[in-house]
Protein backbone atom coordinates (compact mmCIF):
# COMPACT_ATOMS: atom_id res chain seq x y z
CA UNK A 1 191.13 194.23 113.49
CA UNK A 2 188.37 196.79 113.38
CA UNK A 3 185.12 195.99 111.57
CA UNK A 4 182.66 198.83 111.07
CA UNK A 5 179.25 198.06 109.55
CA UNK A 6 176.85 200.79 108.44
CA UNK A 7 173.12 200.16 108.54
CA UNK A 8 170.04 201.93 107.26
CA UNK A 9 166.61 201.58 108.88
CA UNK A 10 163.38 202.78 107.33
CA UNK A 11 159.68 202.42 107.98
CA UNK A 12 157.83 201.93 111.23
CA UNK A 13 157.87 199.04 113.66
CA UNK A 14 154.35 199.90 114.82
CA UNK A 15 153.04 200.05 111.24
CA UNK A 16 154.78 196.78 110.32
CA UNK A 17 156.86 198.45 107.60
CA UNK A 18 160.26 198.54 109.29
CA UNK A 19 163.19 197.38 107.17
CA UNK A 20 166.90 197.23 107.92
CA UNK A 21 169.65 197.18 105.33
CA UNK A 22 173.38 196.62 105.63
CA UNK A 23 174.88 199.49 103.61
CA UNK A 24 178.53 198.49 103.75
CA UNK A 25 181.30 197.12 105.93
CA UNK A 26 184.74 198.63 106.44
CA UNK A 27 187.60 196.58 107.86
CA UNK A 28 190.96 197.82 109.11
CA UNK A 29 193.81 195.52 110.06
CA UNK A 30 197.00 196.88 111.60
CA UNK A 31 199.96 194.50 111.61
CA UNK A 32 203.35 194.92 113.23
CA UNK A 33 205.88 192.26 112.25
CA UNK A 34 209.54 191.81 111.39
CA UNK A 35 208.95 189.70 108.28
CA UNK A 36 208.96 190.55 104.58
CA UNK A 37 206.05 192.69 103.41
CA UNK A 38 204.99 190.11 100.78
CA UNK A 39 204.69 187.39 103.45
CA UNK A 40 202.20 189.50 105.38
CA UNK A 41 200.35 190.40 102.16
CA UNK A 42 199.95 186.71 101.26
CA UNK A 43 198.84 185.84 104.79
CA UNK A 44 196.17 188.56 104.66
CA UNK A 45 194.98 187.42 101.21
CA UNK A 46 194.69 183.82 102.44
CA UNK A 47 192.83 184.90 105.58
CA UNK A 48 190.37 186.94 103.52
CA UNK A 49 189.75 183.98 101.16
CA UNK A 50 189.03 181.74 104.17
CA UNK A 51 186.81 184.20 106.07
CA UNK A 52 183.18 183.06 106.27
CA UNK A 53 181.89 186.51 107.17
CA UNK A 54 183.56 188.19 104.20
CA UNK A 55 182.01 185.53 101.98
CA UNK A 56 178.57 186.23 103.44
CA UNK A 57 178.96 189.95 102.83
CA UNK A 58 180.43 189.70 99.33
CA UNK A 59 178.26 186.93 97.83
CA UNK A 60 174.49 186.46 97.91
CA UNK A 61 173.38 183.34 99.78
CA UNK A 62 170.08 181.60 100.35
CA UNK A 63 168.74 182.11 103.86
CA UNK A 64 166.42 179.52 105.32
CA UNK A 65 164.62 180.04 108.58
CA UNK A 66 161.93 178.51 110.70
CA UNK A 67 160.09 179.63 113.80
CA UNK A 68 158.23 177.43 116.23
CA UNK A 69 156.00 178.40 119.11
CA UNK A 70 155.46 175.75 121.77
CA UNK A 71 156.76 173.11 119.38
CA UNK A 72 154.44 174.12 116.53
CA UNK A 73 155.31 176.08 113.36
CA UNK A 74 154.44 179.73 113.74
């Protein structure tokens, strides 16, 4: 399995305007097996439905974060 993400960065870290964006993700899976083609196709479909990372990429999700410094909120 090869997973290739493409990113875009703009702005300036020093100016406080830097932003990163995930542009897209390409996956490539190469399978060698002596089983019927449809069996492999169904296995791949099931794996894609169960993949957390594909879900994160395909669907928007809320992101919650917190940062503490020396035990105190930053």
